[in-house]
């Protein structure tokens, strides 16, 4: 065998031995390409998630602001309610100490006045009857006096 033939045989033997490795390398390259595509997809998804997270963070900040405003509004409402309750207590005390006694005084005055007028009405009726009797008596006496004279 010549050197060329020997080299050719070695080359063929090396090619046969390296063929499974070559196939594995091709398969690895395909796997690496698939992984690259998947990594690119993951990167896009991560960017989308980051964008979404920025939106969520913004929404959370808005909610926190709204909650703070609500808390402030509640404190204002509570202060107003306390003022209202204080005013109601003052009004109740004034009604008990000032208005109610005055109303009772007015009521007693009206009741006594009503009783006087009620009694007076009876007296007026009695006086009217007395006047009617006096009139008839005066007329009768006038007629008698005229006949006599």
N, C-alpha and C. Protein backbone atom coordinates (compact mmCIF):
# COMPACT_ATOMS: atom_id res chain seq x y z
N UNK A 1 0.83 -1.15 0.00
CA UNK A 1 0.00 0.00 0.00
C UNK A 1 0.88 1.23 0.00
N UNK A 2 0.40 2.13 -0.79
CA UNK A 2 1.18 3.34 -0.92
C UNK A 2 0.74 4.33 0.15
N UNK A 3 1.53 5.32 0.21
CA UNK A 3 1.24 6.34 1.22
C UNK A 3 -0.13 6.98 0.95
N UNK A 4 -0.43 7.23 -0.29
CA UNK A 4 -1.73 7.84 -0.63
C UNK A 4 -2.87 6.93 -0.26
N UNK A 5 -2.73 5.69 -0.55
CA UNK A 5 -3.79 4.75 -0.23
C UNK A 5 -3.96 4.64 1.28
N UNK A 6 -2.82 4.62 1.93
CA UNK A 6 -2.87 4.55 3.39
C UNK A 6 -3.54 5.80 3.96
N UNK A 7 -3.22 6.94 3.44
CA UNK A 7 -3.84 8.19 3.90
C UNK A 7 -5.33 8.19 3.57
N UNK A 8 -5.66 7.70 2.43
CA UNK A 8 -7.05 7.64 2.00
C UNK A 8 -7.83 6.71 2.92
N UNK A 9 -7.24 5.57 3.28
CA UNK A 9 -7.89 4.62 4.17
C UNK A 9 -8.06 5.22 5.55
N UNK A 10 -7.02 5.91 6.01
CA UNK A 10 -7.11 6.54 7.34
C UNK A 10 -8.20 7.62 7.32
N UNK A 11 -8.26 8.37 6.22
CA UNK A 11 -9.24 9.43 6.08
C UNK A 11 -10.65 8.86 6.11
N UNK A 12 -10.86 7.74 5.40
CA UNK A 12 -12.19 7.11 5.39
C UNK A 12 -12.54 6.57 6.77
N UNK A 13 -11.57 5.99 7.40
CA UNK A 13 -11.81 5.45 8.73
C UNK A 13 -12.13 6.59 9.70
N UNK A 14 -11.44 7.70 9.59
CA UNK A 14 -11.68 8.85 10.45
C UNK A 14 -13.07 9.43 10.16
N UNK A 15 -13.42 9.45 8.84
CA UNK A 15 -14.74 9.98 8.48
C UNK A 15 -15.84 9.11 9.10
N UNK A 16 -15.68 7.80 9.05
CA UNK A 16 -16.68 6.90 9.63
C UNK A 16 -16.75 7.05 11.14
N UNK A 17 -15.61 7.20 11.75
CA UNK A 17 -15.59 7.35 13.20
C UNK A 17 -16.15 8.71 13.62
N UNK A 18 -15.90 9.72 12.84
CA UNK A 18 -16.35 11.07 13.18
C UNK A 18 -17.81 11.35 12.75
N UNK A 19 -18.35 10.47 11.90
CA UNK A 19 -19.71 10.68 11.40
C UNK A 19 -20.74 10.78 12.53
N UNK A 20 -20.76 9.91 13.56
CA UNK A 20 -21.73 10.09 14.66
C UNK A 20 -21.49 11.40 15.42
N UNK A 21 -20.23 11.78 15.53
CA UNK A 21 -19.93 13.04 16.23
C UNK A 21 -20.44 14.21 15.40
N UNK A 22 -20.26 14.10 14.07
CA UNK A 22 -20.74 15.14 13.17
C UNK A 22 -22.27 15.26 13.25
N UNK A 23 -22.94 14.10 13.30
CA UNK A 23 -24.41 14.10 13.42
C UNK A 23 -24.82 14.72 14.76
N UNK A 24 -24.07 14.38 15.79
CA UNK A 24 -24.37 14.96 17.10
C UNK A 24 -24.17 16.48 17.09
N UNK A 25 -23.12 16.92 16.41
CA UNK A 25 -22.86 18.36 16.32
C UNK A 25 -23.99 19.05 15.58
N UNK A 26 -24.47 18.44 14.48
CA UNK A 26 -25.58 19.02 13.72
C UNK A 26 -26.83 19.09 14.62
N UNK A 27 -27.07 18.01 15.34
CA UNK A 27 -28.22 17.98 16.25
C UNK A 27 -28.07 19.04 17.35
N UNK A 28 -26.85 19.19 17.87
CA UNK A 28 -26.59 20.20 18.88
C UNK A 28 -26.81 21.62 18.33
N UNK A 29 -26.37 21.83 17.08
CA UNK A 29 -26.58 23.13 16.46
C UNK A 29 -28.08 23.43 16.33
N UNK A 30 -28.86 22.41 15.95
CA UNK A 30 -30.31 22.60 15.83
C UNK A 30 -30.92 22.90 17.21
N UNK A 31 -30.45 22.16 18.21
CA UNK A 31 -30.94 22.39 19.56
C UNK A 31 -30.59 23.80 20.04
N UNK A 32 -29.34 24.24 19.71
CA UNK A 32 -28.90 25.58 20.10
C UNK A 32 -29.77 26.63 19.40
N UNK A 33 -30.11 26.40 18.11
CA UNK A 33 -30.98 27.34 17.40
C UNK A 33 -32.36 27.39 18.05
N UNK A 34 -32.90 26.22 18.39
CA UNK A 34 -34.20 26.19 19.07
C UNK A 34 -34.13 26.93 20.41
N UNK A 35 -33.03 26.70 21.13
CA UNK A 35 -32.86 27.39 22.41
C UNK A 35 -32.76 28.90 22.21
N UNK A 36 -32.04 29.30 21.15
CA UNK A 36 -31.93 30.74 20.87
C UNK A 36 -33.31 31.35 20.60
N UNK A 37 -34.14 30.64 19.82
CA UNK A 37 -35.50 31.13 19.54
C UNK A 37 -36.29 31.21 20.83
N UNK A 38 -36.18 30.17 21.66
CA UNK A 38 -36.91 30.17 22.93
C UNK A 38 -36.42 31.29 23.84
N UNK A 39 -35.11 31.52 23.87
CA UNK A 39 -34.56 32.60 24.69
C UNK A 39 -35.05 33.96 24.18
N UNK A 40 -35.08 34.10 22.86
CA UNK A 40 -35.60 35.35 22.30
C UNK A 40 -37.06 35.54 22.70
N UNK A 41 -37.85 34.46 22.61
CA UNK A 41 -39.25 34.55 23.03
C UNK A 41 -39.36 34.91 24.52
N UNK A 42 -38.47 34.28 25.31
CA UNK A 42 -38.47 34.60 26.75
C UNK A 42 -38.10 36.05 26.99
N UNK A 43 -37.14 36.56 26.24
CA UNK A 43 -36.75 37.95 26.39
C UNK A 43 -37.92 38.87 26.06
N UNK A 44 -38.66 38.55 25.00
CA UNK A 44 -39.83 39.35 24.63
C UNK A 44 -40.86 39.30 25.75
N UNK A 45 -41.09 38.10 26.25
CA UNK A 45 -42.06 37.94 27.34
C UNK A 45 -41.63 38.72 28.58
N UNK A 46 -40.33 38.65 28.88
CA UNK A 46 -39.82 39.37 30.05
C UNK A 46 -40.00 40.87 29.86
N UNK A 47 -39.72 41.37 28.66
CA UNK A 47 -39.92 42.79 28.38
C UNK A 47 -41.40 43.16 28.54
N UNK A 48 -42.29 42.29 28.02
CA UNK A 48 -43.73 42.53 28.18
C UNK A 48 -44.12 42.54 29.66
N UNK A 49 -43.56 41.59 30.40
CA UNK A 49 -43.85 41.54 31.84
C UNK A 49 -43.33 42.80 32.54
N UNK A 50 -42.15 43.25 32.15
CA UNK A 50 -41.61 44.47 32.74
C UNK A 50 -42.53 45.66 32.44
N UNK A 51 -42.99 45.73 31.21
CA UNK A 51 -43.93 46.80 30.85
C UNK A 51 -45.20 46.69 31.67
N UNK A 52 -45.73 45.46 31.75
CA UNK A 52 -46.95 45.25 32.55
C UNK A 52 -46.71 45.62 34.01
N UNK A 53 -45.56 45.28 34.53
CA UNK A 53 -45.24 45.58 35.94
C UNK A 53 -45.18 47.09 36.17
N UNK A 54 -44.65 47.82 35.18
CA UNK A 54 -44.62 49.28 35.31
C UNK A 54 -46.05 49.81 35.41
N UNK A 55 -46.95 49.24 34.58
CA UNK A 55 -48.35 49.64 34.64
C UNK A 55 -48.98 49.29 35.98
N UNK A 56 -48.66 48.10 36.47
CA UNK A 56 -49.20 47.67 37.76
C UNK A 56 -48.68 48.58 38.88
N UNK A 57 -47.41 48.91 38.83
CA UNK A 57 -46.83 49.80 39.84
C UNK A 57 -47.51 51.16 39.79
N UNK A 58 -47.74 51.64 38.59
CA UNK A 58 -48.43 52.93 38.44
C UNK A 58 -49.84 52.85 39.02
N UNK A 59 -50.55 51.76 38.72
CA UNK A 59 -51.91 51.57 39.26
C UNK A 59 -51.88 51.51 40.78
N UNK A 60 -50.88 50.83 41.32
CA UNK A 60 -50.77 50.71 42.78
C UNK A 60 -50.53 52.08 43.40
N UNK A 61 -49.68 52.89 42.75
CA UNK A 61 -49.44 54.23 43.27
C UNK A 61 -50.72 55.06 43.25
N UNK A 62 -51.50 54.93 42.17
CA UNK A 62 -52.78 55.64 42.08
C UNK A 62 -53.72 55.18 43.19
N UNK A 63 -53.75 53.87 43.41
CA UNK A 63 -54.61 53.33 44.48
C UNK A 63 -54.17 53.84 45.84
N UNK A 64 -52.87 53.88 46.06
CA UNK A 64 -52.37 54.39 47.33
C UNK A 64 -52.76 55.85 47.52
N UNK A 65 -52.68 56.63 46.46
CA UNK A 65 -53.09 58.04 46.52
C UNK A 65 -54.58 58.13 46.83
N UNK A 66 -55.38 57.30 46.15
CA UNK A 66 -56.82 57.30 46.39
C UNK A 66 -57.13 56.91 47.83
N UNK A 67 -56.42 55.93 48.35
CA UNK A 67 -56.66 55.50 49.73
C UNK A 67 -56.30 56.63 50.70
N UNK A 68 -55.20 57.32 50.44
CA UNK A 68 -54.82 58.44 51.30
C UNK A 68 -55.88 59.54 51.26
N UNK A 69 -56.41 59.81 50.06
CA UNK A 69 -57.46 60.83 49.93
C UNK A 69 -58.71 60.38 50.70
N UNK A 70 -59.05 59.10 50.58
CA UNK A 70 -60.21 58.60 51.31
C UNK A 70 -60.01 58.71 52.82
N UNK A 71 -58.81 58.38 53.26
CA UNK A 71 -58.53 58.50 54.70
C UNK A 71 -58.66 59.95 55.15
N UNK A 72 -58.15 60.86 54.35
CA UNK A 72 -58.26 62.29 54.68
C UNK A 72 -59.73 62.70 54.71
N UNK A 73 -60.48 62.26 53.70
CA UNK A 73 -61.91 62.60 53.65
C UNK A 73 -62.64 62.03 54.87
N UNK A 74 -62.28 60.82 55.25
CA UNK A 74 -62.92 60.22 56.43
C UNK A 74 -62.60 61.01 57.69
N UNK A 75 -61.37 61.48 57.82
CA UNK A 75 -61.00 62.27 58.98
C UNK A 75 -61.80 63.58 59.00
N UNK A 76 -61.94 64.19 57.83
CA UNK A 76 -62.72 65.43 57.74
C UNK A 76 -64.18 65.15 58.12
N UNK A 77 -64.72 64.04 57.58
CA UNK A 77 -66.11 63.67 57.90
C UNK A 77 -66.27 63.41 59.39
N UNK A 78 -65.30 62.75 59.97
CA UNK A 78 -65.37 62.44 61.40
C UNK A 78 -65.34 63.73 62.22
N UNK A 79 -64.50 64.68 61.82
CA UNK A 79 -64.43 65.96 62.52
C UNK A 79 -65.77 66.70 62.39
N UNK A 80 -66.35 66.66 61.20
CA UNK A 80 -67.64 67.31 61.00
C UNK A 80 -68.73 66.65 61.86
N UNK A 81 -68.68 65.33 61.92
CA UNK A 81 -69.67 64.62 62.74
C UNK A 81 -69.50 64.98 64.21
N UNK A 82 -68.27 65.09 64.67
CA UNK A 82 -68.03 65.47 66.06
C UNK A 82 -68.56 66.87 66.32
N UNK A 83 -68.34 67.80 65.37
CA UNK A 83 -68.87 69.15 65.52
C UNK A 83 -70.39 69.14 65.54
N UNK A 84 -70.97 68.32 64.68
CA UNK A 84 -72.43 68.21 64.62
C UNK A 84 -72.98 67.66 65.93
N UNK A 85 -72.34 66.62 66.45
CA UNK A 85 -72.77 66.04 67.72
C UNK A 85 -72.64 67.07 68.85
N UNK A 86 -71.55 67.83 68.85
CA UNK A 86 -71.35 68.86 69.86
C UNK A 86 -72.45 69.92 69.77
N UNK A 87 -72.76 70.34 68.54
CA UNK A 87 -73.83 71.32 68.33
C UNK A 87 -75.18 70.78 68.78
N UNK A 88 -75.43 69.50 68.49
CA UNK A 88 -76.69 68.89 68.91
C UNK A 88 -76.78 68.84 70.44
N UNK A 89 -75.70 68.53 71.10
CA UNK A 89 -75.71 68.50 72.57
C UNK A 89 -75.97 69.89 73.13
N UNK A 90 -75.33 70.90 72.53
CA UNK A 90 -75.56 72.27 72.99
C UNK A 90 -77.03 72.65 72.80
N UNK A 91 -77.59 72.26 71.65
CA UNK A 91 -78.98 72.58 71.38
C UNK A 91 -79.91 71.86 72.35
N UNK A 92 -79.60 70.62 72.65
CA UNK A 92 -80.41 69.84 73.59
C UNK A 92 -80.36 70.48 74.99
N UNK A 93 -79.18 70.88 75.40
CA UNK A 93 -79.04 71.53 76.71
C UNK A 93 -79.81 72.84 76.74
N UNK A 94 -79.73 73.61 75.65
CA UNK A 94 -80.46 74.88 75.60
C UNK A 94 -81.97 74.64 75.64
N UNK A 95 -82.41 73.61 74.92
CA UNK A 95 -83.84 73.31 74.92
C UNK A 95 -84.30 72.92 76.33
N UNK A 96 -83.49 72.13 77.01
CA UNK A 96 -83.87 71.69 78.36
C UNK A 96 -83.82 72.84 79.37
N UNK A 97 -82.82 73.70 79.24
CA UNK A 97 -82.63 74.73 80.26
C UNK A 97 -83.33 76.06 79.93
N UNK A 98 -83.56 76.35 78.67
CA UNK A 98 -84.09 77.66 78.30
C UNK A 98 -85.45 77.58 77.61
N UNK A 99 -85.55 76.84 76.54
CA UNK A 99 -86.76 76.81 75.72
C UNK A 99 -87.90 76.08 76.42
N UNK A 100 -87.62 74.93 76.97
CA UNK A 100 -88.68 74.14 77.61
C UNK A 100 -89.34 74.89 78.77
N UNK A 101 -88.59 75.50 79.67
CA UNK A 101 -89.25 76.27 80.74
C UNK A 101 -90.09 77.42 80.18
N UNK A 102 -89.59 78.09 79.15
CA UNK A 102 -90.36 79.19 78.56
C UNK A 102 -91.66 78.67 77.96
N UNK A 103 -91.58 77.54 77.27
CA UNK A 103 -92.80 76.96 76.70
C UNK A 103 -93.79 76.59 77.79
N UNK A 104 -93.30 76.07 78.89
CA UNK A 104 -94.19 75.73 79.99
C UNK A 104 -94.84 76.99 80.57
N UNK A 105 -94.07 78.07 80.65
CA UNK A 105 -94.60 79.34 81.13
C UNK A 105 -95.68 79.87 80.17
N UNK A 106 -95.41 79.83 78.89
CA UNK A 106 -96.38 80.28 77.88
C UNK A 106 -97.65 79.43 77.97
N UNK A 107 -97.46 78.13 78.10
CA UNK A 107 -98.60 77.22 78.19
C UNK A 107 -99.46 77.56 79.42
N UNK A 108 -98.83 77.79 80.55
CA UNK A 108 -99.61 78.09 81.76
C UNK A 108 -100.33 79.43 81.61
N UNK A 109 -99.68 80.41 80.96
CA UNK A 109 -100.34 81.70 80.72
C UNK A 109 -101.57 81.52 79.84
N UNK A 110 -101.43 80.77 78.76
CA UNK A 110 -102.57 80.54 77.86
C UNK A 110 -103.69 79.78 78.56
N UNK A 111 -103.32 78.80 79.36
CA UNK A 111 -104.35 78.03 80.07
C UNK A 111 -105.12 78.91 81.05
N UNK A 112 -104.40 79.74 81.80
CA UNK A 112 -105.10 80.61 82.76
C UNK A 112 -105.96 81.63 82.02
N UNK A 113 -105.44 82.16 80.89
CA UNK A 113 -106.23 83.10 80.09
C UNK A 113 -107.47 82.42 79.53
N UNK A 114 -107.31 81.20 79.06
CA UNK A 114 -108.45 80.46 78.53
C UNK A 114 -109.51 80.25 79.62
N UNK A 115 -109.05 79.90 80.82
CA UNK A 115 -110.00 79.67 81.91
C UNK A 115 -110.75 80.96 82.25
N UNK A 116 -110.02 82.09 82.25
CA UNK A 116 -110.69 83.37 82.53
C UNK A 116 -111.72 83.70 81.45
N UNK A 117 -111.32 83.51 80.19
CA UNK A 117 -112.25 83.80 79.10
C UNK A 117 -113.43 82.84 79.11
N UNK A 118 -113.16 81.59 79.47
CA UNK A 118 -114.24 80.60 79.54
C UNK A 118 -115.25 81.01 80.61
N UNK A 119 -114.75 81.40 81.79
CA UNK A 119 -115.63 81.88 82.86
C UNK A 119 -116.32 83.17 82.45
N UNK A 120 -115.61 84.06 81.80
CA UNK A 120 -116.16 85.34 81.35
C UNK A 120 -117.28 85.12 80.33
N UNK A 121 -117.11 84.11 79.48
CA UNK A 121 -118.15 83.83 78.49
C UNK A 121 -119.44 83.44 79.19
N UNK A 122 -119.34 82.69 80.23
CA UNK A 122 -120.53 82.32 81.01
C UNK A 122 -121.15 83.56 81.65
N UNK A 123 -120.32 84.45 82.17
CA UNK A 123 -120.82 85.68 82.78
C UNK A 123 -121.50 86.57 81.74
N UNK A 124 -120.91 86.61 80.52
CA UNK A 124 -121.50 87.43 79.46
C UNK A 124 -122.88 86.91 79.11
N UNK A 125 -123.02 85.59 79.02
CA UNK A 125 -124.33 85.02 78.74
C UNK A 125 -125.32 85.40 79.84
N UNK A 126 -124.89 85.30 81.07
CA UNK A 126 -125.76 85.65 82.20
C UNK A 126 -126.12 87.13 82.16
N UNK A 127 -125.13 87.99 81.86
CA UNK A 127 -125.41 89.42 81.78
C UNK A 127 -126.36 89.73 80.64
N UNK A 128 -126.21 89.03 79.51
CA UNK A 128 -127.11 89.24 78.38
C UNK A 128 -128.54 88.92 78.77
N UNK A 129 -128.70 87.84 79.51
CA UNK A 129 -130.04 87.47 79.96
C UNK A 129 -130.58 88.54 80.90
N UNK A 130 -129.72 89.04 81.80
CA UNK A 130 -130.15 90.09 82.72
C UNK A 130 -130.54 91.34 81.96
N UNK A 131 -129.78 91.70 80.95
CA UNK A 131 -130.08 92.89 80.14
C UNK A 131 -131.40 92.72 79.42
N UNK A 132 -131.62 91.53 78.88
CA UNK A 132 -132.89 91.28 78.18
C UNK A 132 -134.08 91.44 79.14
N UNK A 133 -133.91 90.91 80.35
CA UNK A 133 -134.98 91.04 81.36
C UNK A 133 -135.19 92.50 81.71
N UNK A 134 -134.07 93.24 81.89
CA UNK A 134 -134.16 94.66 82.22
C UNK A 134 -134.85 95.43 81.09
N UNK A 135 -134.53 95.12 79.87
CA UNK A 135 -135.14 95.78 78.72
C UNK A 135 -136.64 95.57 78.72
N UNK A 136 -136.98 94.31 78.86
CA UNK A 136 -138.43 94.03 78.83
C UNK A 136 -139.14 94.71 80.00
N UNK A 137 -138.49 94.77 81.14
CA UNK A 137 -139.08 95.42 82.31
C UNK A 137 -139.20 96.92 82.07
N UNK A 138 -138.16 97.53 81.51
CA UNK A 138 -138.16 98.96 81.23
C UNK A 138 -139.25 99.28 80.21
N UNK A 139 -139.37 98.47 79.18
CA UNK A 139 -140.40 98.69 78.16
C UNK A 139 -141.78 98.59 78.79
N UNK A 140 -141.95 97.60 79.59
CA UNK A 140 -143.25 97.40 80.25
C UNK A 140 -143.58 98.57 81.16
N UNK A 141 -142.58 99.01 81.91
CA UNK A 141 -142.80 100.13 82.83
C UNK A 141 -143.02 101.41 82.03
N UNK A 142 -142.33 101.57 80.94
CA UNK A 142 -142.54 102.75 80.09
C UNK A 142 -143.95 102.79 79.58
N UNK A 143 -144.42 101.66 79.15
CA UNK A 143 -145.80 101.58 78.63
C UNK A 143 -146.78 101.91 79.73
N UNK A 144 -146.57 101.41 80.91
CA UNK A 144 -147.46 101.67 82.04
C UNK A 144 -147.42 103.16 82.39
N UNK A 145 -146.23 103.74 82.37
CA UNK A 145 -146.10 105.14 82.70
C UNK A 145 -146.80 106.02 81.65
N UNK A 146 -146.76 105.63 80.47
CA UNK A 146 -147.41 106.39 79.40
C UNK A 146 -148.93 106.28 79.52
N UNK A 147 -149.41 105.21 79.92
CA UNK A 147 -150.84 105.05 80.09
C UNK A 147 -151.31 105.87 81.28
N UNK A 148 -150.53 105.93 82.28
CA UNK A 148 -150.87 106.70 83.47
C UNK A 148 -150.80 108.18 83.13
N UNK A 149 -149.96 108.60 82.42
CA UNK A 149 -149.79 110.01 82.19
C UNK A 149 -150.65 110.52 81.13
